[in-house]
């Protein structure tokens, strides 16, 4: 007569925390902290800083989807962040200009421009600006994704190419003093869709909208992780050729994830403008793109909340250290990225699992006295197991 032992309480609680209900509880707790406690405990300056961090976290959520689940090391999200930011900045600058009774912004008048450029006129209406924030990054990402992924460009080549695109965009902005005010960027925004940005109540409302949109992105990503498309994205990451053999087009799957990441970055950039009050080429080039990536790597690219927490932590560290040690912070960022990728590839989110595994692992590792080998064991910081085998079984039915 065989008996089965009941699961240990610690293991049962761990399963609850890491399962769907645990993720939902984490989202609810995050919503409580962001929407309720932060406005009550932080002043206007602190709330503005946190709002800035949340805008950057939106970019991180998209990178976590594209890199963590899809294996696309995108080092150029500053491109899409900048597209959303400049579209919103053009709309806000134009709205303030017309309130003053002028036809073109002041920096254009100083450069002898008397007629509004067509690209500015397109985003004059609030609806056009909101649609542009979403559709322009999506269209650019779709065109780039199809061009890149259909040619099977991936790995380091894709990372370098995406970084080059962000650098080219920043250089183009600097070379357009008449159109984008060059390296000075766009600033001094007075209102957002008719709401005075200097009013503390409107600042609180803007923060709540930013936090709500971030939570919506996290919830959407959670659903995508659990969906069939999410499993297919992981399968493309781990066994792209096998997915292609099964009749699926990996380029379309990767392009869809790339577009979603671009849209999230564009929305984050659009909200960054009224929250911070300025956007310039320094916010959209190579250095910001790498900073986005470092936050995701530190938090844990393959997890749901790791990119959010990591990006907020890195942004807070930058605010605290960059002002006192501006040159030192750049080197510290690079060192942090190397250390995380080299010694903790799963990020901080995988640290509890790594410590737990080391406590359980006997001193005699790859082959113990029982003849078992631990070399192929799956660890918490390993990539998510591929569902390609499940897809193959389903196709065979």
Protein backbone atom coordinates (compact mmCIF):
# COMPACT_ATOMS: atom_id res chain seq x y z
CA UNK A 1 0.00 0.00 0.00
CA UNK A 2 1.53 3.26 -1.13
CA UNK A 3 0.91 6.61 0.41
CA UNK A 4 1.55 10.07 -0.97
CA UNK A 5 2.88 12.77 1.27
CA UNK A 6 1.13 16.10 1.35
CA UNK A 7 3.02 19.03 -0.15
CA UNK A 8 5.06 21.04 2.28
CA UNK A 9 3.52 24.37 3.35
CA UNK A 10 6.46 26.36 1.99
CA UNK A 11 6.16 24.71 -1.43
CA UNK A 12 2.40 25.23 -1.46
CA UNK A 13 2.78 28.92 -0.71
CA UNK A 14 5.48 29.24 -3.36
CA UNK A 15 3.20 27.68 -5.96
CA UNK A 16 0.45 30.09 -5.03
CA UNK A 17 2.72 33.11 -5.29
CA UNK A 18 4.21 32.11 -8.64
CA UNK A 19 0.95 30.95 -10.22
CA UNK A 20 -1.74 33.00 -11.97
CA UNK A 21 -3.38 34.00 -8.70
CA UNK A 22 -0.05 35.17 -7.35
CA UNK A 23 0.52 37.29 -10.44
CA UNK A 24 -2.95 38.80 -10.11
CA UNK A 25 -2.28 39.54 -6.45
CA UNK A 26 1.00 41.20 -7.41
CA UNK A 27 -0.77 43.39 -9.96
CA UNK A 28 -3.39 44.35 -7.40
CA UNK A 29 -0.71 45.22 -4.84
CA UNK A 30 1.18 47.26 -7.43
CA UNK A 31 -2.00 49.12 -8.33
CA UNK A 32 -2.60 49.91 -4.67
CA UNK A 33 0.92 51.23 -4.19
CA UNK A 34 0.95 53.31 -7.37
CA UNK A 35 -2.56 54.69 -7.37
CA UNK A 36 -3.23 55.19 -3.66
CA UNK A 37 -0.17 55.23 -1.44
CA UNK A 38 2.28 57.15 -3.65
CA UNK A 39 0.10 60.30 -4.06
CA UNK A 40 -0.53 60.32 -0.31
CA UNK A 41 3.11 60.03 0.72
CA UNK A 42 4.99 61.96 -1.99
CA UNK A 43 5.01 65.66 -2.64
CA UNK A 44 4.69 67.32 -6.02
CA UNK A 45 8.37 66.92 -6.92
CA UNK A 46 8.54 63.30 -5.79
CA UNK A 47 5.34 62.45 -7.62
CA UNK A 48 6.74 63.99 -10.79
CA UNK A 49 9.90 61.90 -10.50
CA UNK A 50 7.88 58.74 -9.95
CA UNK A 51 5.74 59.61 -12.96
CA UNK A 52 8.93 59.90 -15.03
CA UNK A 53 10.06 56.49 -13.80
CA UNK A 54 6.70 54.98 -14.75
CA UNK A 55 7.02 56.35 -18.29
CA UNK A 56 10.41 54.64 -18.59
CA UNK A 57 8.91 51.47 -17.11
CA UNK A 58 6.44 51.37 -20.02
CA UNK A 59 9.38 51.05 -22.39
CA UNK A 60 10.78 48.32 -20.15
CA UNK A 61 7.56 46.29 -20.35
CA UNK A 62 7.84 46.24 -24.14
CA UNK A 63 11.51 45.29 -24.03
CA UNK A 64 10.67 42.47 -21.63
CA UNK A 65 8.17 41.13 -24.15
CA UNK A 66 10.47 41.45 -27.18
CA UNK A 67 13.74 40.42 -25.52
CA UNK A 68 12.66 38.24 -22.61
CA UNK A 69 10.00 36.24 -24.44
CA UNK A 70 10.99 36.73 -28.08
CA UNK A 71 14.78 36.75 -27.80
CA UNK A 72 15.09 40.05 -29.72
CA UNK A 73 17.81 42.14 -28.08
CA UNK A 74 16.46 45.52 -29.11
CA UNK A 75 18.95 48.25 -28.25
CA UNK A 76 17.13 51.01 -30.09
CA UNK A 77 13.85 51.57 -28.26
CA UNK A 78 14.84 55.22 -27.99
CA UNK A 79 13.67 55.52 -31.59
CA UNK A 80 10.06 54.65 -30.75
CA UNK A 81 10.20 56.48 -27.43
CA UNK A 82 11.32 59.56 -29.33
CA UNK A 83 8.65 59.25 -32.01
CA UNK A 84 5.89 59.25 -29.40
CA UNK A 85 7.56 62.01 -27.41
CA UNK A 86 8.11 64.37 -30.33
CA UNK A 87 4.61 63.85 -31.71
CA UNK A 88 3.12 64.81 -28.35
CA UNK A 89 5.61 67.67 -27.92
CA UNK A 90 4.72 69.12 -31.31
CA UNK A 91 1.03 69.05 -30.44
CA UNK A 92 1.54 70.68 -27.03
CA UNK A 93 3.90 73.32 -28.42
CA UNK A 94 1.48 74.16 -31.19
CA UNK A 95 -1.48 74.37 -28.78
CA UNK A 96 0.44 76.81 -26.56
CA UNK A 97 1.50 78.82 -29.60
CA UNK A 98 -2.07 79.27 -30.80
CA UNK A 99 -3.17 80.33 -27.32
CA UNK A 100 -0.72 83.22 -27.69
CA UNK A 101 -2.20 84.15 -31.06
CA UNK A 102 0.83 83.06 -33.09
CA UNK A 103 0.98 80.76 -36.11
CA UNK A 104 4.33 79.08 -35.52
CA UNK A 105 6.39 78.40 -32.36
CA UNK A 106 8.93 80.97 -31.22
CA UNK A 107 12.00 78.97 -32.26
CA UNK A 108 10.62 78.77 -35.81
CA UNK A 109 10.08 82.53 -35.91
CA UNK A 110 13.68 83.02 -34.79
CA UNK A 111 14.76 80.90 -37.77
CA UNK A 112 12.65 82.93 -40.19
CA UNK A 113 9.82 80.41 -40.61
CA UNK A 114 6.40 81.99 -41.08
CA UNK A 115 4.34 79.01 -42.26
CA UNK A 116 3.71 75.93 -40.14
CA UNK A 117 5.43 72.79 -41.52
CA UNK A 118 3.08 70.07 -42.75
CA UNK A 119 4.32 67.49 -40.23
CA UNK A 120 3.33 69.85 -37.41
CA UNK A 121 -0.07 70.58 -38.91
CA UNK A 122 -0.90 66.85 -39.03
CA UNK A 123 -0.78 66.58 -35.24
CA UNK A 124 -2.52 69.85 -34.43
CA UNK A 125 -5.74 68.12 -33.35
CA UNK A 126 -5.66 66.18 -30.05
CA UNK A 127 -7.18 63.06 -31.62
CA UNK A 128 -4.58 63.10 -34.40
CA UNK A 129 -1.82 63.45 -31.81
CA UNK A 130 -3.07 60.52 -29.73
CA UNK A 131 -3.46 58.34 -32.81
CA UNK A 132 -0.03 59.38 -34.04
CA UNK A 133 1.57 58.38 -30.74
CA UNK A 134 0.29 54.83 -31.29
CA UNK A 135 0.22 54.41 -35.06
CA UNK A 136 3.50 56.05 -36.10
CA UNK A 137 5.74 53.88 -33.88
CA UNK A 138 3.65 50.84 -34.84
CA UNK A 139 4.01 51.56 -38.56
CA UNK A 140 7.75 52.18 -38.32
CA UNK A 141 8.26 49.02 -36.24
CA UNK A 142 6.15 46.95 -38.64
CA UNK A 143 8.13 48.15 -41.65
CA UNK A 144 11.47 47.59 -39.92
CA UNK A 145 10.41 44.25 -38.46
CA UNK A 146 9.26 42.79 -41.74
CA UNK A 147 12.37 44.05 -43.52
CA UNK A 148 14.70 42.67 -40.83
CA UNK A 149 13.07 39.43 -39.73
CA UNK A 150 12.14 38.17 -43.20
CA UNK A 151 15.87 38.33 -43.95
CA UNK A 152 16.47 36.29 -40.76
CA UNK A 153 18.60 38.97 -39.13
CA UNK A 154 18.88 38.22 -35.41
CA UNK A 155 21.22 38.12 -32.46
CA UNK A 156 24.03 40.65 -32.30
CA UNK A 157 23.31 41.86 -35.83
CA UNK A 158 19.78 42.86 -34.89
CA UNK A 159 21.00 44.53 -31.69
CA UNK A 160 23.58 46.61 -33.56
CA UNK A 161 21.10 47.52 -36.29
CA UNK A 162 18.45 48.65 -33.81
CA UNK A 163 21.02 50.73 -31.94
CA UNK A 164 22.17 52.34 -35.18
CA UNK A 165 18.58 53.34 -35.99
CA UNK A 166 18.22 55.10 -32.63
CA UNK A 167 21.54 56.89 -33.16
CA UNK A 168 20.53 57.97 -36.66
CA UNK A 169 17.22 59.34 -35.36
CA UNK A 170 18.98 61.39 -32.67
CA UNK A 171 21.46 62.77 -35.21
CA UNK A 172 18.61 63.68 -37.56
CA UNK A 173 16.81 65.56 -34.77
CA UNK A 174 19.95 67.54 -33.98
CA UNK A 175 20.30 68.49 -37.64
CA UNK A 176 16.75 69.92 -37.84
CA UNK A 177 16.85 73.23 -35.90
CA UNK A 178 13.96 74.63 -37.93
CA UNK A 179 11.72 71.59 -37.52
CA UNK A 180 12.57 70.23 -34.04
CA UNK A 181 14.68 73.02 -32.47
CA UNK A 182 17.79 70.89 -32.87
CA UNK A 183 19.70 69.85 -29.78
CA UNK A 184 17.64 72.20 -27.58
CA UNK A 185 14.52 70.11 -28.09
CA UNK A 186 10.97 71.18 -27.29
CA UNK A 187 9.96 72.45 -23.86
CA UNK A 188 7.89 74.93 -21.83
CA UNK A 189 4.52 73.23 -22.21
CA UNK A 190 1.67 75.02 -20.47
CA UNK A 191 -1.31 72.73 -21.00
CA UNK A 192 -2.32 69.21 -21.99
CA UNK A 193 -5.58 68.93 -23.91
CA UNK A 194 -6.81 72.09 -22.22
CA UNK A 195 -5.68 71.17 -18.69
CA UNK A 196 -3.19 73.51 -17.02
CA UNK A 197 -0.03 71.52 -16.30
CA UNK A 198 0.94 73.90 -13.49
CA UNK A 199 -2.16 72.97 -11.48
CA UNK A 200 -1.28 70.36 -8.78
CA UNK A 201 -4.64 68.66 -9.30
CA UNK A 202 -3.92 68.16 -12.98
CA UNK A 203 -0.43 66.91 -12.14
CA UNK A 204 -1.99 64.31 -9.86
CA UNK A 205 -4.47 63.36 -12.58
CA UNK A 206 -1.62 62.98 -15.08
CA UNK A 207 0.23 60.73 -12.66
CA UNK A 208 -2.84 58.55 -12.12
CA UNK A 209 -3.35 58.21 -15.87
CA UNK A 210 0.32 57.24 -16.28
CA UNK A 211 0.14 54.65 -13.50
CA UNK A 212 -3.13 53.22 -14.85
CA UNK A 213 -1.69 52.84 -18.36
CA UNK A 214 1.41 51.12 -17.01
CA UNK A 215 -0.73 48.66 -15.07
CA UNK A 216 -2.81 48.05 -18.19
CA UNK A 217 0.36 47.26 -20.15
CA UNK A 218 1.53 44.84 -17.46
CA UNK A 219 -1.89 43.15 -17.42
CA UNK A 220 -1.87 42.87 -21.22
CA UNK A 221 1.62 41.37 -21.14
CA UNK A 222 0.50 38.88 -18.50
CA UNK A 223 -2.34 37.74 -20.74
CA UNK A 224 0.02 37.46 -23.71
CA UNK A 225 2.42 35.33 -21.66
CA UNK A 226 -0.39 32.88 -20.92
CA UNK A 227 -1.88 32.88 -24.42
CA UNK A 228 -1.17 30.56 -27.33
CA UNK A 229 0.56 33.44 -29.12
CA UNK A 230 2.86 33.86 -26.14
CA UNK A 231 3.81 30.19 -26.30
CA UNK A 232 4.43 30.54 -30.01
CA UNK A 233 6.69 33.56 -29.38
CA UNK A 234 8.79 31.52 -26.93
CA UNK A 235 8.93 28.67 -29.44
CA UNK A 236 10.23 31.06 -32.10
CA UNK A 237 12.87 32.26 -29.67
CA UNK A 238 14.11 28.77 -28.78
CA UNK A 239 13.53 26.75 -31.98
CA UNK A 240 12.81 29.10 -34.85
CA UNK A 241 13.58 26.59 -37.59
CA UNK A 242 11.26 23.99 -36.09
CA UNK A 243 8.42 26.53 -35.92
CA UNK A 244 9.04 27.37 -39.56
CA UNK A 245 8.97 23.66 -40.41
CA UNK A 246 5.54 23.41 -38.74
CA UNK A 247 4.17 25.97 -41.19
CA UNK A 248 4.32 29.10 -39.05
CA UNK A 249 6.10 32.27 -40.15
CA UNK A 250 8.51 33.33 -37.39
CA UNK A 251 9.00 36.73 -39.02
CA UNK A 252 5.35 37.64 -38.48
CA UNK A 253 5.42 36.49 -34.86
CA UNK A 254 8.58 38.47 -34.10
CA UNK A 255 7.29 41.52 -35.95
CA UNK A 256 4.08 41.48 -33.90
CA UNK A 257 6.09 41.46 -30.66
CA UNK A 258 8.36 44.20 -31.99
CA UNK A 259 5.34 46.34 -32.87
CA UNK A 260 3.82 45.88 -29.41
CA UNK A 261 7.11 46.90 -27.80
CA UNK A 262 7.28 49.95 -30.08
CA UNK A 263 3.74 51.04 -29.20
CA UNK A 264 4.47 50.76 -25.48
CA UNK A 265 7.62 52.82 -25.95
CA UNK A 266 5.72 55.43 -27.96
CA UNK A 267 3.05 55.79 -25.28
CA UNK A 268 5.75 56.07 -22.62
CA UNK A 269 7.46 58.81 -24.63
CA UNK A 270 4.21 60.70 -25.15
CA UNK A 271 3.50 60.75 -21.41
CA UNK A 272 7.13 61.60 -20.65
CA UNK A 273 6.71 64.98 -22.34
CA UNK A 274 4.01 66.53 -20.10
CA UNK A 275 5.38 64.78 -17.00
CA UNK A 276 8.97 66.01 -17.41
CA UNK A 277 8.25 69.14 -19.45
CA UNK A 278 10.95 68.72 -22.09
CA UNK A 279 12.18 66.33 -24.76
CA UNK A 280 15.44 66.57 -26.66
CA UNK A 281 17.69 64.33 -28.78
CA UNK A 282 19.54 63.42 -25.58
CA UNK A 283 16.41 61.55 -24.44
CA UNK A 284 16.08 59.34 -27.52
CA UNK A 285 19.59 58.36 -28.60
CA UNK A 286 21.89 55.44 -27.89
CA UNK A 287 22.55 56.16 -24.21
CA UNK A 288 18.85 56.24 -23.20
CA UNK A 289 18.22 53.10 -25.26
CA UNK A 290 20.96 51.26 -23.40
CA UNK A 291 19.63 52.60 -20.09
CA UNK A 292 16.21 51.13 -20.92
CA UNK A 293 17.87 47.78 -21.61
CA UNK A 294 19.93 47.82 -18.41
CA UNK A 295 16.81 48.30 -16.31
CA UNK A 296 15.19 45.27 -17.92
CA UNK A 297 18.31 43.15 -17.48
CA UNK A 298 18.66 44.12 -13.82
CA UNK A 299 15.03 43.35 -13.03
CA UNK A 300 14.78 40.13 -15.03
CA UNK A 301 13.85 40.13 -18.69
CA UNK A 302 11.90 36.85 -18.67
CA UNK A 303 9.61 37.83 -15.79
CA UNK A 304 6.45 39.90 -15.72
CA UNK A 305 7.24 42.54 -13.11
CA UNK A 306 11.04 42.32 -13.27
CA UNK A 307 11.43 44.87 -16.11
CA UNK A 308 9.18 47.35 -14.30
CA UNK A 309 10.95 47.06 -10.95
CA UNK A 310 14.40 47.01 -12.54
CA UNK A 311 13.78 50.10 -14.67
CA UNK A 312 12.39 52.04 -11.70
CA UNK A 313 15.37 51.02 -9.55
CA UNK A 314 17.92 52.00 -12.23
CA UNK A 315 16.12 55.30 -12.90
CA UNK A 316 16.11 56.10 -9.19
CA UNK A 317 19.82 55.28 -8.97
CA UNK A 318 20.51 57.51 -11.95
CA UNK A 319 18.65 60.41 -10.34
CA UNK A 320 20.52 59.90 -7.09
CA UNK A 321 24.02 59.36 -8.47
CA UNK A 322 24.20 61.03 -11.88
CA UNK A 323 23.86 64.55 -10.49
CA UNK A 324 26.69 64.01 -8.00
CA UNK A 325 28.89 61.78 -10.20
CA UNK A 326 27.83 62.40 -13.83
CA UNK A 327 30.84 60.72 -15.46
CA UNK A 328 30.98 57.87 -12.94
CA UNK A 329 27.35 56.87 -13.54
CA UNK A 330 27.94 56.00 -17.20
CA UNK A 331 30.70 53.56 -16.27
CA UNK A 332 28.62 52.17 -13.43
CA UNK A 333 25.78 51.45 -15.85
CA UNK A 334 28.08 49.48 -18.11
CA UNK A 335 29.58 47.57 -15.19
CA UNK A 336 26.11 46.79 -13.85
CA UNK A 337 24.99 45.41 -17.21
CA UNK A 338 28.09 43.21 -17.53
CA UNK A 339 27.72 41.86 -14.00
CA UNK A 340 24.04 41.05 -14.40
CA UNK A 341 24.40 39.40 -17.80
CA UNK A 342 27.50 37.48 -16.74
CA UNK A 343 26.58 36.34 -13.23
CA UNK A 344 22.81 36.73 -12.90
CA UNK A 345 21.28 36.42 -16.40
CA UNK A 346 17.80 36.06 -14.96
CA UNK A 347 18.04 39.41 -13.16
CA UNK A 348 17.14 40.21 -9.59
CA UNK A 349 13.82 38.41 -10.03
CA UNK A 350 15.70 35.10 -10.37
CA UNK A 351 17.88 35.65 -7.29
CA UNK A 352 15.59 33.80 -4.83
CA UNK A 353 15.46 30.78 -7.15
CA UNK A 354 19.23 30.80 -7.60
CA UNK A 355 19.83 30.89 -3.85
CA UNK A 356 17.24 28.17 -3.26
CA UNK A 357 18.82 25.94 -5.90
CA UNK A 358 22.30 26.38 -4.43
CA UNK A 359 21.02 25.33 -1.02
CA UNK A 360 19.49 22.19 -2.51
CA UNK A 361 22.37 21.26 -4.83
CA UNK A 362 24.74 18.69 -3.27
CA UNK A 363 28.45 19.34 -3.25
CA UNK A 364 29.05 16.67 -5.90
CA UNK A 365 27.47 18.19 -8.92
CA UNK A 366 27.40 17.13 -12.42
CA UNK A 367 27.12 13.44 -11.66
CA UNK A 368 26.29 12.32 -8.15
CA UNK A 369 26.62 8.89 -6.59
CA UNK A 370 23.27 7.77 -7.98
CA UNK A 371 24.48 8.23 -11.51
CA UNK A 372 22.19 11.15 -12.23
CA UNK A 373 23.52 14.16 -14.04
CA UNK A 374 22.46 17.66 -13.11
CA UNK A 375 23.85 19.25 -16.24
CA UNK A 376 20.51 19.37 -18.00
CA UNK A 377 18.38 20.44 -15.07
CA UNK A 378 16.13 23.39 -15.62
CA UNK A 379 16.80 26.23 -13.20
CA UNK A 380 14.65 29.20 -12.29
CA UNK A 381 16.89 31.62 -14.18
CA UNK A 382 17.02 29.50 -17.30
CA UNK A 383 14.93 30.55 -20.33
CA UNK A 384 11.32 29.48 -20.32
CA UNK A 385 11.05 25.91 -21.66
CA UNK A 386 10.07 25.92 -25.29
CA UNK A 387 6.55 24.82 -26.23
CA UNK A 388 7.70 23.76 -29.68
CA UNK A 389 7.22 20.11 -28.75
CA UNK A 390 3.65 20.84 -27.74
CA UNK A 391 3.09 22.62 -31.02
CA UNK A 392 4.51 19.67 -32.91
CA UNK A 393 2.21 17.26 -31.10
CA UNK A 394 -0.76 19.45 -31.84
CA UNK A 395 0.14 19.72 -35.51
CA UNK A 396 0.46 15.93 -35.70
CA UNK A 397 -3.10 15.39 -34.49
